[in-house]
């Protein structure tokens, strides 16, 4: 995974259920995404990548750093404001 302009810490522990919920929220709130296949690392870490016309979104559930976070090429907060 690479450097992105925006970083969002979701949880200070890796959590597969929260990972699934975060992916579902992104898919619900951000239109016109192309979803890649989930990558599973040898340690069980999960990585989901989405492509959008504005750039890439990466959701990471890392056992290595014990965190759940999202990196994106563009600001995701406007999509989640109500």
Protein backbone atom coordinates (compact mmCIF):
# COMPACT_ATOMS: atom_id res chain seq x y z
CA UNK A 1 0.00 0.00 0.00
CA UNK A 2 1.24 3.49 -0.73
CA UNK A 3 1.13 7.05 0.59
CA UNK A 4 -2.18 8.85 0.17
CA UNK A 5 -3.15 12.49 0.82
CA UNK A 6 -5.77 11.71 3.50
CA UNK A 7 -5.43 9.33 6.45
CA UNK A 8 -8.27 8.33 8.79
CA UNK A 9 -7.62 6.31 11.96
CA UNK A 10 -10.72 4.18 12.51
CA UNK A 11 -9.61 2.01 15.45
CA UNK A 12 -6.38 1.64 17.45
CA UNK A 13 -6.69 -2.15 17.16
CA UNK A 14 -7.18 -4.44 14.20
CA UNK A 15 -10.80 -5.59 14.06
CA UNK A 16 -12.23 -7.70 11.22
CA UNK A 17 -15.86 -6.84 11.99
CA UNK A 18 -15.13 -3.10 12.00
CA UNK A 19 -13.17 -3.58 8.78
CA UNK A 20 -16.24 -5.11 7.12
CA UNK A 21 -18.45 -2.31 8.47
CA UNK A 22 -16.03 0.37 7.25
CA UNK A 23 -15.95 -1.15 3.78
CA UNK A 24 -19.76 -1.34 3.72
CA UNK A 25 -20.02 2.33 4.79
CA UNK A 26 -17.63 3.43 2.04
CA UNK A 27 -19.56 1.43 -0.54
CA UNK A 28 -22.85 2.93 0.68
CA UNK A 29 -21.78 6.59 0.86
CA UNK A 30 -19.35 7.00 -2.02
CA UNK A 31 -20.87 6.45 -5.47
CA UNK A 32 -19.16 5.09 -8.58
CA UNK A 33 -16.53 2.93 -6.88
CA UNK A 34 -14.74 0.02 -8.47
CA UNK A 35 -13.91 -2.54 -5.83
CA UNK A 36 -10.78 -4.68 -6.04
CA UNK A 37 -10.46 -8.15 -4.56
CA UNK A 38 -9.65 -8.19 -0.82
CA UNK A 39 -6.00 -8.94 -0.14
CA UNK A 40 -5.16 -11.14 2.85
CA UNK A 41 -1.60 -11.00 4.19
CA UNK A 42 0.13 -14.04 5.70
CA UNK A 43 -0.51 -12.60 9.20
CA UNK A 44 -4.25 -12.31 8.52
CA UNK A 45 -4.24 -8.56 7.81
CA UNK A 46 -6.95 -7.45 5.37
CA UNK A 47 -6.68 -4.79 2.67
CA UNK A 48 -9.48 -3.50 0.44
CA UNK A 49 -8.85 -1.08 -2.41
CA UNK A 50 -11.43 1.00 -4.23
CA UNK A 51 -10.93 3.06 -7.38
CA UNK A 52 -12.87 6.27 -7.96
CA UNK A 53 -12.55 9.03 -10.56
CA UNK A 54 -10.96 11.21 -7.83
CA UNK A 55 -8.39 8.57 -6.86
CA UNK A 56 -7.84 5.48 -4.74
CA UNK A 57 -9.23 4.54 -1.32
CA UNK A 58 -7.46 1.88 0.75
CA UNK A 59 -9.01 0.27 3.84
CA UNK A 60 -6.42 -1.54 5.97
CA UNK A 61 -6.94 -3.87 8.91
CA UNK A 62 -3.31 -4.38 9.87
CA UNK A 63 -2.29 -6.95 12.45
CA UNK A 64 1.33 -5.80 12.01
CA UNK A 65 0.66 -2.31 13.44
CA UNK A 66 -2.56 -3.40 15.21
CA UNK A 67 -4.80 -0.74 13.66
CA UNK A 68 -7.74 -0.20 11.33
CA UNK A 69 -7.35 2.82 9.06
CA UNK A 70 -8.34 4.31 5.71
CA UNK A 71 -6.02 6.12 3.30
CA UNK A 72 -7.38 8.04 0.32
CA UNK A 73 -6.27 10.31 -2.50
CA UNK A 74 -9.21 12.62 -1.78
CA UNK A 75 -11.18 13.84 1.24
CA UNK A 76 -13.85 11.32 2.25
CA UNK A 77 -15.50 13.40 5.00
CA UNK A 78 -17.90 15.28 2.67
CA UNK A 79 -19.43 11.93 1.70
CA UNK A 80 -20.27 11.12 5.32
CA UNK A 81 -21.78 14.46 6.38
CA UNK A 82 -25.53 14.47 6.83
